[in-house]
């Protein structure tokens, strides 16, 4: 037999062997050497009860109908931006390092790109020249309109003045467009953070040459962490956006965290046949460090009767995949077939959907000395002493 996790890691195996040895010794003592052993009414030799401590027994607790779907993976900041150089040049005025908290729009570094800045200055000069030419063309066109109206200018000369005005207008528009492009390129020499967050990586040093596409910084906003996990198609069909998720983190073993399902991919991955599910975990205080592994449980409601839960170590799994637990009834161990749901990694318990009632006493970690029919007694519990009711 194995436990629900597929391995029989029973911490109390040694204690069960000791209890079994005590039981055998007690039986031999009762026999008194050559004396005939006591027998029960049915002729079977009476066996002394194994005394169990409170730690050896678990209570099946009502779960209120809630079960869960396990999902796990690393927690990453939901928002993270990698900043790259947009112009060629030399890094200057490096103002931040890894771990620096920055605000939206804050300057992180400058890139000296003299060619780009010269182009921007030249484009601005071209705009000024085009405006001057337009002003002259406008004056000539206004004078031409008055002369033409008075009959002192031919239609040909008037049309020429009008065309010159239109050409000057177009030249100004072209110069302004070039200046805007050059100014945008010059603006890329200032590297600013697009979000509020923390610099998680810095790829360059002051004085280092860069080209368009060179990675400079990574800025993350870890106020919301995200876990990306894969679920089988049949399981993913039970998941909905907004469902609650319980998290367990190794860094905080005694705490449980709660999040929610944020997004679900509409199609399954062609290679793995799994559906990607994205779960969010609030982290406004920044206690949780991104990148650490988390185990989550997507809470779902079970139809029908409310489930109960027992420790995962209490569930036995047979070779054919069926499950059972050992229950204490009327001072004896009774094997009870059950159906179970997915283990909750946060609590370490398993929902039992059928075969067990809330309040039942089960063996927390079944050992080799405990088989069906074994008489047991709970320390300090007269209800099971001597194997009776």
Protein backbone atom coordinates (compact mmCIF):
# COMPACT_ATOMS: atom_id res chain seq x y z
CA UNK A 1 0.00 0.00 0.00
CA UNK A 2 1.09 3.56 -0.60
CA UNK A 3 -0.25 6.88 0.61
CA UNK A 4 -2.11 9.33 -1.61
CA UNK A 5 1.21 10.78 -2.84
CA UNK A 6 2.38 7.46 -4.21
CA UNK A 7 5.04 6.71 -1.61
CA UNK A 8 4.88 5.09 1.83
CA UNK A 9 6.83 7.53 3.91
CA UNK A 10 5.45 6.61 7.33
CA UNK A 11 7.18 8.42 10.10
CA UNK A 12 5.62 6.34 12.83
CA UNK A 13 6.53 2.92 11.36
CA UNK A 14 9.02 2.30 14.15
CA UNK A 15 6.44 3.06 16.81
CA UNK A 16 3.96 0.63 15.23
CA UNK A 17 6.59 -2.13 15.28
CA UNK A 18 7.22 -1.41 18.94
CA UNK A 19 3.51 -1.56 19.70
CA UNK A 20 3.24 -4.85 17.85
CA UNK A 21 6.10 -6.29 19.90
CA UNK A 22 4.41 -5.19 23.12
CA UNK A 23 1.19 -6.87 22.01
CA UNK A 24 2.95 -10.16 21.27
CA UNK A 25 4.76 -10.08 24.59
CA UNK A 26 1.51 -9.40 26.40
CA UNK A 27 -0.10 -12.37 24.66
CA UNK A 28 2.72 -14.73 25.63
CA UNK A 29 2.57 -13.54 29.23
CA UNK A 30 -1.15 -14.12 29.34
CA UNK A 31 -0.60 -17.69 28.12
CA UNK A 32 1.49 -18.45 31.21
CA UNK A 33 3.77 -20.95 29.53
CA UNK A 34 1.87 -24.30 29.41
CA UNK A 35 -1.42 -22.80 30.52
CA UNK A 36 -4.20 -22.72 27.94
CA UNK A 37 -4.83 -19.24 26.50
CA UNK A 38 -8.03 -17.38 27.23
CA UNK A 39 -10.47 -17.56 24.39
CA UNK A 40 -13.35 -15.41 23.36
CA UNK A 41 -16.85 -16.73 22.94
CA UNK A 42 -16.11 -17.70 19.34
CA UNK A 43 -13.02 -19.67 20.31
CA UNK A 44 -10.54 -17.05 18.97
CA UNK A 45 -7.71 -16.01 21.27
CA UNK A 46 -8.36 -12.54 22.70
CA UNK A 47 -5.74 -9.99 21.55
CA UNK A 48 -4.68 -7.09 23.77
CA UNK A 49 -5.49 -3.68 22.37
CA UNK A 50 -2.80 -1.46 20.93
CA UNK A 51 -2.80 1.83 22.79
CA UNK A 52 -2.71 4.82 20.46
CA UNK A 53 -1.83 8.38 21.36
CA UNK A 54 -3.81 11.39 20.22
CA UNK A 55 -1.15 12.06 17.55
CA UNK A 56 -1.83 8.66 15.98
CA UNK A 57 -5.47 9.49 15.29
CA UNK A 58 -6.97 12.16 13.05
CA UNK A 59 -10.54 13.39 12.89
CA UNK A 60 -12.38 13.62 9.59
CA UNK A 61 -13.31 17.28 9.39
CA UNK A 62 -16.23 18.72 7.46
CA UNK A 63 -14.95 20.68 4.46
CA UNK A 64 -18.17 22.51 3.66
CA UNK A 65 -18.22 21.08 0.15
CA UNK A 66 -14.97 22.77 -0.90
CA UNK A 67 -12.34 20.84 -2.78
CA UNK A 68 -9.45 22.04 -4.86
CA UNK A 69 -7.45 21.71 -8.05
CA UNK A 70 -3.68 21.81 -7.49
CA UNK A 71 -1.58 24.22 -9.51
CA UNK A 72 2.06 25.06 -8.93
CA UNK A 73 4.95 26.99 -10.38
CA UNK A 74 7.22 29.99 -9.79
CA UNK A 75 5.70 33.32 -8.79
CA UNK A 76 6.75 36.15 -11.08
CA UNK A 77 5.89 39.87 -10.98
CA UNK A 78 2.85 40.41 -13.14
CA UNK A 79 4.33 43.59 -14.65
CA UNK A 80 7.96 43.57 -15.77
CA UNK A 81 9.53 45.70 -18.48
CA UNK A 82 12.87 45.26 -20.22
CA UNK A 83 14.30 48.58 -21.43
CA UNK A 84 16.50 48.51 -24.55
CA UNK A 85 18.61 51.12 -26.28
CA UNK A 86 16.82 52.80 -29.19
CA UNK A 87 19.80 54.74 -30.55
CA UNK A 88 23.53 54.03 -30.88
CA UNK A 89 25.78 55.83 -28.44
CA UNK A 90 27.63 55.79 -25.11
CA UNK A 91 25.91 55.23 -21.73
CA UNK A 92 26.20 58.26 -19.48
CA UNK A 93 24.70 59.45 -16.19
CA UNK A 94 23.86 55.96 -14.93
CA UNK A 95 21.60 56.76 -11.98
CA UNK A 96 20.23 53.42 -10.75
CA UNK A 97 21.38 49.92 -9.89
CA UNK A 98 19.78 46.59 -9.05
CA UNK A 99 17.28 46.98 -6.22
CA UNK A 100 16.68 50.70 -6.78
CA UNK A 101 13.04 51.70 -6.42
CA UNK A 102 11.95 53.98 -9.27
CA UNK A 103 8.84 55.91 -10.29
CA UNK A 104 7.11 56.24 -13.63
CA UNK A 105 9.04 58.67 -15.83
CA UNK A 106 12.15 58.69 -13.60
CA UNK A 107 15.42 59.08 -15.52
CA UNK A 108 17.58 55.98 -15.28
CA UNK A 109 20.44 56.88 -17.64
CA UNK A 110 21.39 58.96 -20.66
CA UNK A 111 22.91 57.85 -23.94
CA UNK A 112 25.29 60.23 -25.65
CA UNK A 113 24.37 60.04 -29.33
CA UNK A 114 25.90 63.08 -30.99
CA UNK A 115 24.81 62.14 -34.51
CA UNK A 116 21.18 61.81 -33.45
CA UNK A 117 21.23 65.07 -31.53
CA UNK A 118 22.85 66.88 -34.48
CA UNK A 119 20.12 65.61 -36.77
CA UNK A 120 17.50 66.92 -34.37
CA UNK A 121 19.16 70.35 -34.27
CA UNK A 122 19.40 70.43 -38.07
CA UNK A 123 15.75 69.48 -38.42
CA UNK A 124 14.74 72.33 -36.14
CA UNK A 125 16.80 74.75 -38.24
CA UNK A 126 15.05 73.46 -41.38
CA UNK A 127 11.69 74.16 -39.75
CA UNK A 128 12.71 77.76 -39.00
CA UNK A 129 13.82 78.28 -42.63
CA UNK A 130 10.59 76.81 -43.98
CA UNK A 131 8.54 79.12 -41.79
CA UNK A 132 10.44 82.15 -43.05
CA UNK A 133 9.89 81.10 -46.65
CA UNK A 134 6.21 80.58 -45.98
CA UNK A 135 5.93 84.07 -44.46
CA UNK A 136 7.42 85.64 -47.63
CA UNK A 137 5.23 83.52 -49.90
CA UNK A 138 2.17 84.51 -47.85
CA UNK A 139 2.93 88.23 -48.21
CA UNK A 140 3.42 87.87 -51.96
CA UNK A 141 0.22 85.92 -52.30
CA UNK A 142 -1.77 88.58 -50.38
CA UNK A 143 -0.34 91.32 -52.65
CA UNK A 144 -1.12 89.24 -55.73
CA UNK A 145 -4.70 88.85 -54.63
CA UNK A 146 -5.14 92.64 -54.34
CA UNK A 147 -3.48 93.32 -57.69
CA UNK A 148 -5.45 90.61 -59.43
CA UNK A 149 -8.68 91.98 -58.00
CA UNK A 150 -7.81 95.44 -59.32
CA UNK A 151 -6.99 94.05 -62.75
CA UNK A 152 -3.30 94.96 -62.44
CA UNK A 153 -2.06 91.31 -62.49
CA UNK A 154 -2.63 88.66 -65.07
CA UNK A 155 -4.20 85.34 -64.19
CA UNK A 156 -0.93 83.57 -64.92
CA UNK A 157 1.07 85.68 -62.45
CA UNK A 158 -1.66 85.30 -59.83
CA UNK A 159 -1.67 81.52 -60.18
CA UNK A 160 2.12 81.51 -59.86
CA UNK A 161 1.96 83.44 -56.57
CA UNK A 162 -0.71 81.08 -55.29
CA UNK A 163 1.36 78.02 -56.20
CA UNK A 164 4.43 79.47 -54.48
CA UNK A 165 2.39 79.93 -51.29
CA UNK A 166 1.12 76.36 -51.42
CA UNK A 167 4.64 75.03 -52.00
CA UNK A 168 6.00 76.97 -49.03
CA UNK A 169 3.18 75.55 -46.85
CA UNK A 170 4.04 72.02 -47.94
CA UNK A 171 7.74 72.57 -47.30
CA UNK A 172 7.00 73.69 -43.75
CA UNK A 173 4.85 70.61 -43.12
CA UNK A 174 7.65 68.34 -44.40
CA UNK A 175 10.25 70.10 -42.26
CA UNK A 176 8.09 69.79 -39.17
CA UNK A 177 7.59 66.06 -39.80
CA UNK A 178 11.34 65.54 -40.13
CA UNK A 179 11.92 67.55 -36.98
CA UNK A 180 9.39 65.45 -35.09
CA UNK A 181 11.12 62.24 -36.16
CA UNK A 182 14.54 63.62 -35.29
CA UNK A 183 13.25 64.91 -31.96
CA UNK A 184 11.74 61.52 -31.13
CA UNK A 185 15.06 59.84 -31.84
CA UNK A 186 16.84 62.41 -29.70
CA UNK A 187 14.36 61.69 -26.92
CA UNK A 188 15.54 58.09 -26.89
CA UNK A 189 18.85 59.29 -25.52
CA UNK A 190 17.08 59.65 -22.16
CA UNK A 191 16.17 56.28 -20.68
CA UNK A 192 13.24 56.61 -18.26
CA UNK A 193 11.18 54.04 -16.37
CA UNK A 194 7.72 53.47 -17.88
CA UNK A 195 6.30 52.07 -14.61
CA UNK A 196 6.54 52.37 -10.84
CA UNK A 197 8.67 49.51 -9.60
CA UNK A 198 12.13 48.22 -8.71
CA UNK A 199 15.14 47.73 -10.96
CA UNK A 200 15.68 43.97 -10.97
CA UNK A 201 18.54 43.89 -13.48
CA UNK A 202 21.11 46.26 -14.98
CA UNK A 203 22.97 45.08 -18.06
CA UNK A 204 25.29 48.03 -18.78
CA UNK A 205 27.87 50.23 -17.09
CA UNK A 206 28.62 53.91 -17.53
CA UNK A 207 30.81 54.54 -20.56
CA UNK A 208 29.74 51.36 -22.32
CA UNK A 209 28.78 51.65 -26.02
CA UNK A 210 25.32 50.43 -26.99
CA UNK A 211 23.40 49.85 -30.19
CA UNK A 212 19.66 49.75 -30.89
CA UNK A 213 18.26 46.64 -29.18
CA UNK A 214 20.91 46.41 -26.45
CA UNK A 215 19.30 45.47 -23.10
CA UNK A 216 19.78 48.16 -20.47
CA UNK A 217 17.49 47.56 -17.48
CA UNK A 218 14.64 45.38 -16.26
CA UNK A 219 12.06 47.05 -14.03
CA UNK A 220 9.42 44.98 -12.19
CA UNK A 221 6.28 45.86 -10.30
CA UNK A 222 5.89 43.10 -7.71
CA UNK A 223 2.73 44.44 -6.05
CA UNK A 224 0.92 41.63 -7.86
CA UNK A 225 2.60 38.28 -8.45
CA UNK A 226 1.48 35.81 -11.09
CA UNK A 227 1.75 32.04 -11.30
CA UNK A 228 1.47 30.35 -14.68
CA UNK A 229 0.42 26.71 -14.47
CA UNK A 230 -0.78 23.98 -16.78
CA UNK A 231 -3.94 21.92 -16.26
CA UNK A 232 -5.34 18.97 -18.13
CA UNK A 233 -8.21 19.91 -20.44
CA UNK A 234 -10.80 18.02 -18.41
CA UNK A 235 -9.63 19.73 -15.21
CA UNK A 236 -9.33 23.19 -16.77
CA UNK A 237 -12.98 22.97 -17.82
CA UNK A 238 -13.89 23.27 -14.11
CA UNK A 239 -11.90 26.47 -13.64
CA UNK A 240 -13.41 29.94 -13.98
CA UNK A 241 -11.90 33.42 -13.88
CA UNK A 242 -12.26 34.86 -10.39
CA UNK A 243 -12.10 31.55 -8.50
CA UNK A 244 -10.27 31.76 -5.18
CA UNK A 245 -6.83 30.17 -4.90
CA UNK A 246 -5.00 29.16 -1.72
CA UNK A 247 -1.20 29.34 -1.78
CA UNK A 248 1.50 27.66 0.28
CA UNK A 249 5.06 29.05 0.25
CA UNK A 250 8.11 27.32 1.67
CA UNK A 251 9.36 30.69 2.94
CA UNK A 252 6.23 31.02 5.12
CA UNK A 253 5.34 27.43 6.12
CA UNK A 254 2.84 28.46 8.80
CA UNK A 255 0.91 30.92 6.63
CA UNK A 256 -1.69 30.50 3.90
CA UNK A 257 -2.08 33.12 1.17
CA UNK A 258 -5.08 33.76 -1.03
CA UNK A 259 -5.27 34.86 -4.65
CA UNK A 260 -7.56 34.45 -7.65
CA UNK A 261 -7.66 33.01 -11.15
CA UNK A 262 -6.93 35.95 -13.47
CA UNK A 263 -6.86 34.44 -16.99
CA UNK A 264 -7.35 31.13 -18.76
CA UNK A 265 -5.99 30.36 -22.22
CA UNK A 266 -8.82 29.65 -24.69
CA UNK A 267 -6.95 26.77 -26.39
CA UNK A 268 -4.80 23.90 -25.15
CA UNK A 269 -1.10 23.71 -25.93
CA UNK A 270 -0.62 21.53 -29.00
CA UNK A 271 2.46 19.80 -27.56
CA UNK A 272 1.39 19.15 -23.96
CA UNK A 273 -2.41 19.17 -24.41
CA UNK A 274 -2.60 21.32 -21.30
CA UNK A 275 -4.39 24.61 -20.75
CA UNK A 276 -2.39 27.48 -19.30
CA UNK A 277 -3.98 29.10 -16.25
CA UNK A 278 -2.73 32.38 -14.76
CA UNK A 279 -3.24 32.96 -11.05
CA UNK A 280 -2.64 36.27 -9.28
CA UNK A 281 -1.43 36.75 -5.71
CA UNK A 282 -1.63 40.25 -4.11
CA UNK A 283 1.70 41.42 -2.72
CA UNK A 284 1.12 45.09 -1.91
CA UNK A 285 3.53 45.06 1.03
CA UNK A 286 6.25 43.36 -1.00
CA UNK A 287 6.76 40.56 1.53
CA UNK A 288 6.89 37.84 -1.09
CA UNK A 289 9.95 37.80 -3.33
CA UNK A 290 9.28 37.03 -6.97
CA UNK A 291 10.75 33.88 -8.45
CA UNK A 292 10.08 31.53 -5.54
CA UNK A 293 8.14 28.32 -6.08
CA UNK A 294 4.56 28.21 -4.87
CA UNK A 295 1.95 25.49 -4.51
CA UNK A 296 -1.60 26.64 -5.03
CA UNK A 297 -5.04 25.11 -4.82
CA UNK A 298 -7.88 26.44 -6.96
CA UNK A 299 -10.96 26.20 -4.73
CA UNK A 300 -13.97 24.60 -6.37
CA UNK A 301 -17.38 23.65 -5.03
CA UNK A 302 -18.29 19.98 -4.96
CA UNK A 303 -21.77 19.01 -6.07
CA UNK A 304 -23.92 16.87 -3.77
CA UNK A 305 -23.03 16.07 -0.20
CA UNK A 306 -20.36 18.04 1.53
CA UNK A 307 -16.94 16.41 1.58
CA UNK A 308 -14.81 15.78 4.63
CA UNK A 309 -11.05 16.04 4.78
CA UNK A 310 -8.36 13.86 6.33
CA UNK A 311 -4.57 14.10 6.35
CA UNK A 312 -3.06 12.91 3.08
CA UNK A 313 -0.94 10.43 5.06
CA UNK A 314 -4.12 8.65 6.22
CA UNK A 315 -5.20 7.65 2.71
CA UNK A 316 -4.05 4.30 1.32
CA UNK A 317 -3.91 3.73 -2.43
CA UNK A 318 -4.17 0.22 -3.81
CA UNK A 319 -2.48 -1.03 -6.98
CA UNK A 320 -5.77 -0.69 -8.87
CA UNK A 321 -6.03 2.97 -7.94
CA UNK A 322 -8.76 2.60 -5.31
CA UNK A 323 -8.42 4.36 -1.97
CA UNK A 324 -9.16 3.46 1.63
CA UNK A 325 -8.69 4.71 5.16
CA UNK A 326 -8.42 2.84 8.47
CA UNK A 327 -11.23 3.87 10.82
CA UNK A 328 -11.56 3.15 14.54
CA UNK A 329 -15.02 1.69 15.22
CA UNK A 330 -16.05 0.02 18.46
CA UNK A 331 -12.43 -0.34 19.54
CA UNK A 332 -11.24 -2.05 16.35
CA UNK A 333 -9.59 -1.04 13.12
CA UNK A 334 -11.98 -1.11 10.17
CA UNK A 335 -10.85 -0.62 6.58
CA UNK A 336 -13.19 1.79 4.79
CA UNK A 337 -13.19 2.25 0.98
CA UNK A 338 -13.39 5.94 -0.01
CA UNK A 339 -13.25 8.20 -3.03
CA UNK A 340 -11.01 11.21 -2.73
CA UNK A 341 -10.36 14.51 -4.48
CA UNK A 342 -7.13 16.37 -5.17
CA UNK A 343 -4.75 16.98 -2.31
CA UNK A 344 -4.64 20.50 -0.92
CA UNK A 345 -0.92 21.30 -0.72
CA UNK A 346 -1.63 24.28 1.51
CA UNK A 347 -3.23 22.27 4.33
CA UNK A 348 -1.78 18.83 3.54
CA UNK A 349 -5.28 17.32 3.66
CA UNK A 350 -7.31 15.38 1.12
CA UNK A 351 -11.06 15.75 0.53
CA UNK A 352 -12.96 12.48 0.96
CA UNK A 353 -16.00 12.67 -1.28
CA UNK A 354 -17.70 9.39 -0.35
CA UNK A 355 -17.30 6.65 2.24
CA UNK A 356 -16.62 8.70 5.35
CA UNK A 357 -18.59 10.91 7.71
CA UNK A 358 -17.42 14.00 9.54
CA UNK A 359 -16.16 13.17 13.04
CA UNK A 360 -14.87 9.71 12.16
CA UNK A 361 -11.59 8.76 13.81
CA UNK A 362 -8.98 7.56 11.30
CA UNK A 363 -5.44 6.31 11.67
CA UNK A 364 -3.27 9.29 10.77
CA UNK A 365 -0.32 7.23 9.51
CA UNK A 366 -1.22 3.56 8.94
CA UNK A 367 1.53 1.15 9.93
CA UNK A 368 2.16 -2.57 9.36
CA UNK A 369 0.93 -3.46 12.86
CA UNK A 370 -2.53 -2.11 12.10
CA UNK A 371 -4.73 -4.29 9.95
CA UNK A 372 -8.47 -4.65 9.81
CA UNK A 373 -9.79 -6.14 13.04
CA UNK A 374 -6.87 -5.07 15.21
CA UNK A 375 -8.20 -4.02 18.65
CA UNK A 376 -7.04 -0.56 19.63
CA UNK A 377 -7.47 1.75 22.56
CA UNK A 378 -6.97 5.49 22.69
CA UNK A 379 -4.92 6.72 25.60
CA UNK A 380 -7.31 8.32 28.07
CA UNK A 381 -10.41 7.24 26.07
CA UNK A 382 -12.55 4.71 27.93
CA UNK A 383 -14.85 4.31 24.91
CA UNK A 384 -12.32 2.07 23.18
CA UNK A 385 -10.51 0.52 26.10
CA UNK A 386 -10.49 -3.25 25.88
CA UNK A 387 -11.84 -3.18 22.34
CA UNK A 388 -15.43 -2.47 23.45
CA UNK A 389 -17.95 0.25 22.71
